[in-house]
Every structure is written in C-alpha cells, then in structure tokens.
N, C-alpha and C. Protein backbone atom coordinates (compact mmCIF):
# COMPACT_ATOMS: atom_id res chain seq x y z
N MET A 1 20.94 8.52 -4.64
CA MET A 1 19.78 7.81 -5.11
C MET A 1 18.88 8.79 -5.87
N GLU A 2 18.55 8.47 -7.07
CA GLU A 2 17.71 9.31 -7.91
C GLU A 2 16.24 9.15 -7.52
N THR A 3 15.54 10.25 -7.46
CA THR A 3 14.13 10.22 -7.09
C THR A 3 13.26 10.13 -8.32
N ASP A 4 12.36 9.16 -8.33
CA ASP A 4 11.40 8.99 -9.41
C ASP A 4 10.08 9.58 -8.93
N SER A 5 9.68 10.71 -9.50
CA SER A 5 8.46 11.37 -9.04
C SER A 5 7.22 10.97 -9.83
N ALA A 6 7.38 10.10 -10.78
CA ALA A 6 6.24 9.69 -11.60
C ALA A 6 5.25 8.86 -10.78
N GLU A 7 3.98 8.99 -11.13
CA GLU A 7 2.96 8.17 -10.50
C GLU A 7 3.13 6.73 -10.97
N ARG A 8 3.03 5.80 -10.04
CA ARG A 8 3.11 4.37 -10.38
C ARG A 8 1.94 3.67 -9.76
N GLN A 9 1.58 2.51 -10.33
CA GLN A 9 0.47 1.76 -9.78
C GLN A 9 0.73 0.27 -9.85
N TRP A 10 0.10 -0.44 -8.91
CA TRP A 10 0.21 -1.88 -8.82
C TRP A 10 -1.18 -2.45 -8.58
N VAL A 11 -1.42 -3.65 -9.08
CA VAL A 11 -2.68 -4.34 -8.81
C VAL A 11 -2.45 -5.42 -7.77
N GLY A 12 -3.48 -5.74 -7.03
CA GLY A 12 -3.36 -6.76 -5.99
C GLY A 12 -4.65 -6.86 -5.20
N ASN A 13 -4.51 -7.17 -3.93
CA ASN A 13 -5.64 -7.30 -3.02
C ASN A 13 -5.41 -6.41 -1.82
N VAL A 14 -6.51 -5.97 -1.21
CA VAL A 14 -6.41 -5.11 -0.05
C VAL A 14 -7.13 -5.77 1.13
N CYS A 15 -6.60 -5.52 2.31
CA CYS A 15 -7.20 -6.02 3.54
C CYS A 15 -7.32 -4.82 4.47
N LYS A 16 -8.53 -4.53 4.91
CA LYS A 16 -8.69 -3.46 5.90
C LYS A 16 -9.46 -4.04 7.08
N GLY A 17 -8.86 -3.95 8.23
CA GLY A 17 -9.42 -4.63 9.39
C GLY A 17 -9.23 -6.12 9.21
N VAL A 18 -10.30 -6.87 9.26
CA VAL A 18 -10.21 -8.32 9.04
C VAL A 18 -10.89 -8.73 7.74
N ILE A 19 -11.33 -7.75 6.96
CA ILE A 19 -12.02 -8.04 5.70
C ILE A 19 -11.01 -7.95 4.56
N SER A 20 -11.02 -8.92 3.68
CA SER A 20 -10.06 -8.97 2.59
C SER A 20 -10.79 -9.09 1.25
N THR A 21 -10.12 -8.62 0.19
CA THR A 21 -10.66 -8.77 -1.16
C THR A 21 -10.00 -9.93 -1.89
N LYS A 22 -9.37 -10.83 -1.14
CA LYS A 22 -8.68 -11.94 -1.79
C LYS A 22 -9.64 -12.78 -2.59
N GLY A 23 -9.17 -13.21 -3.73
CA GLY A 23 -9.96 -14.05 -4.61
C GLY A 23 -9.15 -14.30 -5.86
N PRO A 24 -9.76 -14.86 -6.88
CA PRO A 24 -9.02 -15.10 -8.11
C PRO A 24 -8.69 -13.78 -8.81
N GLY A 25 -7.44 -13.52 -8.97
CA GLY A 25 -6.99 -12.30 -9.66
C GLY A 25 -7.00 -11.08 -8.76
N PRO A 26 -6.45 -10.00 -9.26
CA PRO A 26 -6.38 -8.77 -8.46
C PRO A 26 -7.75 -8.12 -8.32
N ARG A 27 -7.98 -7.52 -7.18
CA ARG A 27 -9.26 -6.87 -6.90
C ARG A 27 -9.10 -5.45 -6.41
N ALA A 28 -7.86 -4.95 -6.42
CA ALA A 28 -7.60 -3.59 -5.96
C ALA A 28 -6.40 -3.02 -6.71
N LYS A 29 -6.26 -1.72 -6.62
CA LYS A 29 -5.14 -1.04 -7.26
C LYS A 29 -4.55 -0.05 -6.26
N LEU A 30 -3.23 -0.05 -6.14
CA LEU A 30 -2.50 0.93 -5.34
C LEU A 30 -1.86 1.92 -6.30
N VAL A 31 -2.18 3.19 -6.14
CA VAL A 31 -1.63 4.25 -6.96
C VAL A 31 -0.80 5.15 -6.04
N VAL A 32 0.46 5.38 -6.42
CA VAL A 32 1.38 6.12 -5.57
C VAL A 32 2.01 7.27 -6.34
N SER A 33 2.06 8.42 -5.72
CA SER A 33 2.80 9.56 -6.26
C SER A 33 3.50 10.24 -5.10
N LYS A 34 4.23 11.27 -5.38
CA LYS A 34 4.95 11.99 -4.33
C LYS A 34 3.99 12.65 -3.34
N GLU A 35 2.80 13.03 -3.79
CA GLU A 35 1.84 13.75 -2.97
C GLU A 35 0.85 12.86 -2.22
N ARG A 36 0.58 11.64 -2.75
CA ARG A 36 -0.47 10.83 -2.15
C ARG A 36 -0.33 9.35 -2.49
N MET A 37 -1.06 8.54 -1.73
CA MET A 37 -1.25 7.12 -2.00
C MET A 37 -2.75 6.90 -2.07
N GLU A 38 -3.17 6.04 -2.99
CA GLU A 38 -4.60 5.77 -3.12
C GLU A 38 -4.81 4.28 -3.34
N LEU A 39 -5.77 3.73 -2.63
CA LEU A 39 -6.21 2.35 -2.83
C LEU A 39 -7.60 2.39 -3.42
N ARG A 40 -7.77 1.69 -4.55
CA ARG A 40 -9.08 1.62 -5.22
C ARG A 40 -9.44 0.16 -5.40
N GLY A 41 -10.68 -0.17 -5.18
CA GLY A 41 -11.08 -1.55 -5.40
C GLY A 41 -12.50 -1.81 -4.98
N LEU A 42 -12.80 -3.08 -4.76
CA LEU A 42 -14.15 -3.50 -4.40
C LEU A 42 -14.62 -2.90 -3.09
N MET A 43 -13.70 -2.55 -2.20
CA MET A 43 -14.06 -1.98 -0.91
C MET A 43 -14.16 -0.46 -0.95
N GLY A 44 -14.07 0.10 -2.13
CA GLY A 44 -14.15 1.55 -2.25
C GLY A 44 -12.80 2.18 -2.53
N ARG A 45 -12.71 3.46 -2.23
CA ARG A 45 -11.51 4.25 -2.49
C ARG A 45 -11.02 4.88 -1.20
N MET A 46 -9.73 4.73 -0.93
CA MET A 46 -9.11 5.36 0.23
C MET A 46 -7.92 6.17 -0.27
N GLU A 47 -7.91 7.45 0.06
CA GLU A 47 -6.80 8.31 -0.34
C GLU A 47 -6.06 8.78 0.90
N PHE A 48 -4.73 8.70 0.83
CA PHE A 48 -3.86 9.12 1.91
C PHE A 48 -2.95 10.22 1.39
N ARG A 49 -3.17 11.45 1.82
CA ARG A 49 -2.24 12.52 1.50
C ARG A 49 -0.92 12.17 2.16
N ARG A 50 0.17 12.62 1.60
CA ARG A 50 1.50 12.28 2.11
C ARG A 50 1.63 12.58 3.60
N GLU A 51 1.07 13.71 4.04
CA GLU A 51 1.19 14.09 5.45
C GLU A 51 0.38 13.18 6.38
N ASN A 52 -0.54 12.39 5.84
CA ASN A 52 -1.32 11.46 6.64
C ASN A 52 -0.70 10.07 6.75
N VAL A 53 0.32 9.81 5.97
CA VAL A 53 0.99 8.50 6.00
C VAL A 53 2.12 8.58 7.03
N GLU A 54 1.94 7.87 8.14
CA GLU A 54 2.96 7.88 9.19
C GLU A 54 4.13 6.97 8.85
N ARG A 55 3.80 5.79 8.30
CA ARG A 55 4.85 4.83 7.95
C ARG A 55 4.27 3.76 7.05
N VAL A 56 5.10 3.22 6.19
CA VAL A 56 4.73 2.09 5.34
C VAL A 56 5.76 1.00 5.61
N GLU A 57 5.29 -0.22 5.82
CA GLU A 57 6.21 -1.30 6.20
C GLU A 57 5.82 -2.60 5.54
N ARG A 58 6.75 -3.54 5.54
CA ARG A 58 6.46 -4.88 5.03
C ARG A 58 5.45 -5.55 5.93
N ALA A 59 4.60 -6.35 5.32
CA ALA A 59 3.57 -7.04 6.10
C ALA A 59 3.28 -8.39 5.49
N GLY A 60 2.78 -9.28 6.31
CA GLY A 60 2.40 -10.60 5.84
C GLY A 60 1.72 -11.36 6.95
N PHE A 61 1.23 -12.51 6.61
CA PHE A 61 0.51 -13.32 7.58
C PHE A 61 1.45 -14.17 8.44
N PHE A 62 2.62 -14.49 7.91
CA PHE A 62 3.61 -15.27 8.64
C PHE A 62 4.95 -14.58 8.48
N PRO A 63 5.86 -14.69 9.46
CA PRO A 63 7.15 -14.01 9.34
C PRO A 63 7.95 -14.38 8.09
N TRP A 64 7.78 -15.59 7.59
CA TRP A 64 8.55 -16.01 6.41
C TRP A 64 7.82 -15.70 5.10
N LEU A 65 6.64 -15.13 5.17
CA LEU A 65 5.85 -14.87 3.98
C LEU A 65 5.51 -13.37 3.91
N TRP A 66 6.53 -12.55 3.63
CA TRP A 66 6.35 -11.10 3.54
C TRP A 66 5.83 -10.77 2.16
N MET A 67 4.53 -10.72 2.02
CA MET A 67 3.97 -10.56 0.69
C MET A 67 3.24 -9.25 0.47
N GLY A 68 3.15 -8.42 1.48
CA GLY A 68 2.39 -7.18 1.32
C GLY A 68 3.05 -5.99 1.98
N ILE A 69 2.33 -4.88 1.94
CA ILE A 69 2.77 -3.68 2.64
C ILE A 69 1.63 -3.22 3.55
N ARG A 70 1.99 -2.69 4.70
CA ARG A 70 1.02 -2.16 5.66
C ARG A 70 1.16 -0.65 5.65
N ILE A 71 0.03 0.04 5.57
CA ILE A 71 0.02 1.50 5.58
C ILE A 71 -0.44 1.95 6.96
N ARG A 72 0.44 2.61 7.68
CA ARG A 72 0.09 3.20 8.98
C ARG A 72 -0.20 4.67 8.72
N HIS A 73 -1.36 5.11 9.18
CA HIS A 73 -1.83 6.44 8.81
C HIS A 73 -2.57 7.08 9.98
N ASN A 74 -2.95 8.35 9.80
CA ASN A 74 -3.71 9.05 10.82
C ASN A 74 -5.03 9.61 10.27
N VAL A 75 -5.61 8.92 9.30
CA VAL A 75 -6.91 9.32 8.75
C VAL A 75 -7.98 8.61 9.57
N GLY A 76 -8.74 9.39 10.35
CA GLY A 76 -9.69 8.83 11.31
C GLY A 76 -10.80 7.97 10.72
N GLU A 77 -11.28 8.28 9.52
CA GLU A 77 -12.41 7.52 8.99
C GLU A 77 -12.02 6.20 8.33
N TYR A 78 -10.72 5.91 8.21
CA TYR A 78 -10.28 4.64 7.63
C TYR A 78 -9.87 3.69 8.74
N PRO A 79 -10.04 2.38 8.50
CA PRO A 79 -9.56 1.41 9.50
C PRO A 79 -8.06 1.56 9.73
N LYS A 80 -7.63 1.33 10.96
CA LYS A 80 -6.21 1.47 11.28
C LYS A 80 -5.36 0.42 10.57
N ARG A 81 -5.89 -0.76 10.38
CA ARG A 81 -5.11 -1.84 9.76
C ARG A 81 -5.46 -1.92 8.28
N ILE A 82 -4.55 -1.48 7.44
CA ILE A 82 -4.74 -1.56 5.99
C ILE A 82 -3.51 -2.21 5.39
N MET A 83 -3.72 -3.27 4.63
CA MET A 83 -2.60 -3.98 4.01
C MET A 83 -2.91 -4.19 2.52
N PHE A 84 -1.90 -3.98 1.69
CA PHE A 84 -2.02 -4.21 0.26
C PHE A 84 -1.06 -5.32 -0.13
N CYS A 85 -1.56 -6.34 -0.80
CA CYS A 85 -0.74 -7.46 -1.27
C CYS A 85 -0.68 -7.40 -2.79
N PRO A 86 0.47 -7.05 -3.35
CA PRO A 86 0.57 -6.95 -4.81
C PRO A 86 0.43 -8.30 -5.47
N TRP A 87 -0.09 -8.27 -6.68
CA TRP A 87 -0.26 -9.48 -7.48
C TRP A 87 0.76 -9.44 -8.59
N LEU A 88 1.61 -10.44 -8.67
CA LEU A 88 2.68 -10.54 -9.67
C LEU A 88 3.71 -9.42 -9.55
N SER A 89 3.88 -8.88 -8.36
CA SER A 89 4.92 -7.88 -8.07
C SER A 89 5.49 -8.20 -6.70
N LEU A 90 6.63 -7.62 -6.41
CA LEU A 90 7.24 -7.80 -5.10
C LEU A 90 6.98 -6.59 -4.23
N SER A 91 6.61 -6.83 -2.97
CA SER A 91 6.36 -5.72 -2.05
C SER A 91 7.62 -4.88 -1.85
N ARG A 92 8.79 -5.48 -1.92
CA ARG A 92 10.02 -4.70 -1.71
C ARG A 92 10.22 -3.67 -2.82
N ASN A 93 9.74 -3.95 -4.03
CA ASN A 93 9.84 -2.96 -5.11
C ASN A 93 8.94 -1.75 -4.83
N ILE A 94 7.77 -2.01 -4.27
CA ILE A 94 6.87 -0.91 -3.90
C ILE A 94 7.50 -0.09 -2.78
N LEU A 95 8.02 -0.77 -1.77
CA LEU A 95 8.64 -0.07 -0.65
C LEU A 95 9.84 0.75 -1.10
N ARG A 96 10.63 0.21 -2.01
CA ARG A 96 11.79 0.94 -2.53
C ARG A 96 11.34 2.21 -3.25
N HIS A 97 10.28 2.10 -4.05
CA HIS A 97 9.76 3.27 -4.76
C HIS A 97 9.23 4.32 -3.77
N LEU A 98 8.50 3.87 -2.76
CA LEU A 98 7.99 4.79 -1.75
C LEU A 98 9.11 5.50 -1.01
N GLU A 99 10.17 4.77 -0.71
CA GLU A 99 11.33 5.38 -0.03
C GLU A 99 11.97 6.43 -0.93
N GLN A 100 12.09 6.15 -2.22
CA GLN A 100 12.65 7.11 -3.16
C GLN A 100 11.79 8.38 -3.24
N LEU A 101 10.50 8.23 -3.04
CA LEU A 101 9.59 9.38 -3.06
C LEU A 101 9.58 10.15 -1.74
N GLY A 102 10.27 9.62 -0.73
CA GLY A 102 10.38 10.33 0.55
C GLY A 102 9.42 9.88 1.63
N TYR A 103 8.67 8.80 1.38
CA TYR A 103 7.78 8.28 2.43
C TYR A 103 8.62 7.62 3.53
N ASN A 104 8.09 7.59 4.74
CA ASN A 104 8.74 6.93 5.86
C ASN A 104 8.52 5.42 5.72
N VAL A 105 9.54 4.70 5.31
CA VAL A 105 9.46 3.27 5.10
C VAL A 105 10.26 2.59 6.21
N GLY A 106 9.61 1.67 6.91
CA GLY A 106 10.28 1.02 8.04
C GLY A 106 10.11 -0.46 8.06
C-alpha cells in the first residue's frame, strides 16, 4: 500500500460532547497530515499531534448510519467525545487515508 503524505482536508460538521455545528452546509474543516489532525470551525480550533491520537474510528448516530469519524485522543483540554461528519464525502475515504498515513484506525 502506497503512503500518501500530502495534507488533505474535508469540510463537514463537528460534534464535541453534545454540542454540534450541524446546520445548512458545512461548518467545519478537518485537515489531516502525517504529523497532525486539525479541526477548524465555528467551535474554534482543535489540533491533535499524531502522538495524541489514540484511535480514529467510524461513528454515527445509528448502527446503520455510519456517517462520521470519532477521534479518540489524550489531549486533556478537549472534550473526550469528538466526531466529524464529512459533507459530500464518505467517512471510509477519510479513514482509509488516515490508515495510509499510519494512524491507528479501528
């Protein structure tokens, strides 16, 4: 499997804790590189260095509606529950890219 080290980004919505940015159109951006992941949007900016990302997994509100990714991390000042739901993209494409970059995808 060839590794793509280029930075990539997706637009969508973010949910941290029980607060969501859902609304008409995308309200957040996920930026991913080999060294870090960053969420930018209406709720501010959260940066996760690679060593702080414990695992990234599929997430959704119902078992049959896997529409987002959940970031499990060890950054104390961020909420433990952070989910990104891409807009007009598939979460499996994001997870595949993260796996190619060496992140723990489960």
